[in-house]
Amino acid sequence: MLKWALIFLVISIIAGFFGFSGVSAATATIARVLFGIALVIFLIFLVLALLAGQAVL
């Protein structure tokens, strides 16, 4: 998911450089949403791993 967020970020930067502000804004929004989803999934797995580690001990 982070890979796609980085791809959309690069597309946004390139589109902004060439003056396509609409495309740039749209891809930047997609990149921001994908990064947020990846961050939430990471935090969920982190909490689950910590809880599983405590259950083993």
C-alpha atoms as a PDB file:
ATOM      1  CA  MET A   1       0.000   0.000   0.000  1.00  0.00           C
ATOM      2  CA  LEU A   2       2.885   2.334   0.737  1.00  0.00           C
ATOM      3  CA  LYS A   3       4.274   1.512  -2.698  1.00  0.00           C
ATOM      4  CA  TRP A   4       1.087   2.817  -4.339  1.00  0.00           C
ATOM      5  CA  ALA A   5       1.102   5.907  -2.121  1.00  0.00           C
ATOM      6  CA  LEU A   6       4.638   6.707  -3.256  1.00  0.00           C
ATOM      7  CA  ILE A   7       3.723   6.106  -6.906  1.00  0.00           C
ATOM      8  CA  PHE A   8       0.793   8.521  -6.676  1.00  0.00           C
ATOM      9  CA  LEU A   9       2.993  11.055  -4.871  1.00  0.00           C
ATOM     10  CA  VAL A  10       5.556  10.943  -7.694  1.00  0.00           C
ATOM     11  CA  ILE A  11       2.791  11.291 -10.297  1.00  0.00           C
ATOM     12  CA  SER A  12       1.441  14.269  -8.371  1.00  0.00           C
ATOM     13  CA  ILE A  13       4.825  15.987  -8.281  1.00  0.00           C
ATOM     14  CA  ILE A  14       5.444  15.392 -11.994  1.00  0.00           C
ATOM     15  CA  ALA A  15       1.936  16.590 -12.928  1.00  0.00           C
ATOM     16  CA  GLY A  16       2.384  19.697 -10.787  1.00  0.00           C
ATOM     17  CA  PHE A  17       5.712  20.421 -12.463  1.00  0.00           C
ATOM     18  CA  PHE A  18       4.099  20.317 -15.899  1.00  0.00           C
ATOM     19  CA  GLY A  19       1.158  22.482 -14.826  1.00  0.00           C
ATOM     20  CA  PHE A  20      -1.620  19.911 -14.510  1.00  0.00           C
ATOM     21  CA  SER A  21      -2.912  21.209 -11.196  1.00  0.00           C
ATOM     22  CA  GLY A  22      -6.153  19.197 -11.256  1.00  0.00           C
ATOM     23  CA  VAL A  23      -4.373  15.910 -11.814  1.00  0.00           C
ATOM     24  CA  SER A  24      -1.772  16.873  -9.243  1.00  0.00           C
ATOM     25  CA  ALA A  25      -4.370  17.621  -6.576  1.00  0.00           C
ATOM     26  CA  ALA A  26      -6.277  14.408  -7.270  1.00  0.00           C
ATOM     27  CA  THR A  27      -3.213  12.174  -7.108  1.00  0.00           C
ATOM     28  CA  ALA A  28      -1.965  13.938  -3.981  1.00  0.00           C
ATOM     29  CA  THR A  29      -5.306  13.228  -2.311  1.00  0.00           C
ATOM     30  CA  ILE A  30      -5.147   9.563  -3.336  1.00  0.00           C
ATOM     31  CA  ALA A  31      -1.591   9.307  -1.994  1.00  0.00           C
ATOM     32  CA  ARG A  32      -2.643  10.896   1.311  1.00  0.00           C
ATOM     33  CA  VAL A  33      -5.594   8.502   1.712  1.00  0.00           C
ATOM     34  CA  LEU A  34      -3.500   5.426   0.884  1.00  0.00           C
ATOM     35  CA  PHE A  35      -0.829   6.505   3.357  1.00  0.00           C
ATOM     36  CA  GLY A  36      -3.457   7.009   6.057  1.00  0.00           C
ATOM     37  CA  ILE A  37      -4.935   3.557   5.448  1.00  0.00           C
ATOM     38  CA  ALA A  38      -1.468   1.972   5.549  1.00  0.00           C
ATOM     39  CA  LEU A  39      -0.720   3.779   8.812  1.00  0.00           C
ATOM     40  CA  VAL A  40      -3.953   2.558  10.413  1.00  0.00           C
ATOM     41  CA  ILE A  41      -3.287  -1.032   9.312  1.00  0.00           C
ATOM     42  CA  PHE A  42       0.251  -0.803  10.705  1.00  0.00           C
ATOM     43  CA  LEU A  43      -1.010   0.419  14.066  1.00  0.00           C
ATOM     44  CA  ILE A  44      -3.618  -2.362  14.256  1.00  0.00           C
ATOM     45  CA  PHE A  45      -1.002  -5.026  13.555  1.00  0.00           C
ATOM     46  CA  LEU A  46       1.374  -3.427  16.075  1.00  0.00           C
ATOM     47  CA  VAL A  47      -1.245  -3.602  18.826  1.00  0.00           C
ATOM     48  CA  LEU A  48      -2.137  -7.183  17.899  1.00  0.00           C
ATOM     49  CA  ALA A  49       1.542  -8.206  17.980  1.00  0.00           C
ATOM     50  CA  LEU A  50       2.028  -6.620  21.390  1.00  0.00           C
ATOM     51  CA  LEU A  51      -1.051  -8.366  22.762  1.00  0.00           C
ATOM     52  CA  ALA A  52       0.051 -11.714  21.311  1.00  0.00           C
ATOM     53  CA  GLY A  53       3.518 -11.267  22.802  1.00  0.00           C
ATOM     54  CA  GLN A  54       2.062 -10.669  26.256  1.00  0.00           C
ATOM     55  CA  ALA A  55      -0.174 -13.747  25.938  1.00  0.00           C
ATOM     56  CA  VAL A  56       2.862 -15.960  25.276  1.00  0.00           C
ATOM     57  CA  LEU A  57       4.664 -14.727  28.363  1.00  0.00           C
END
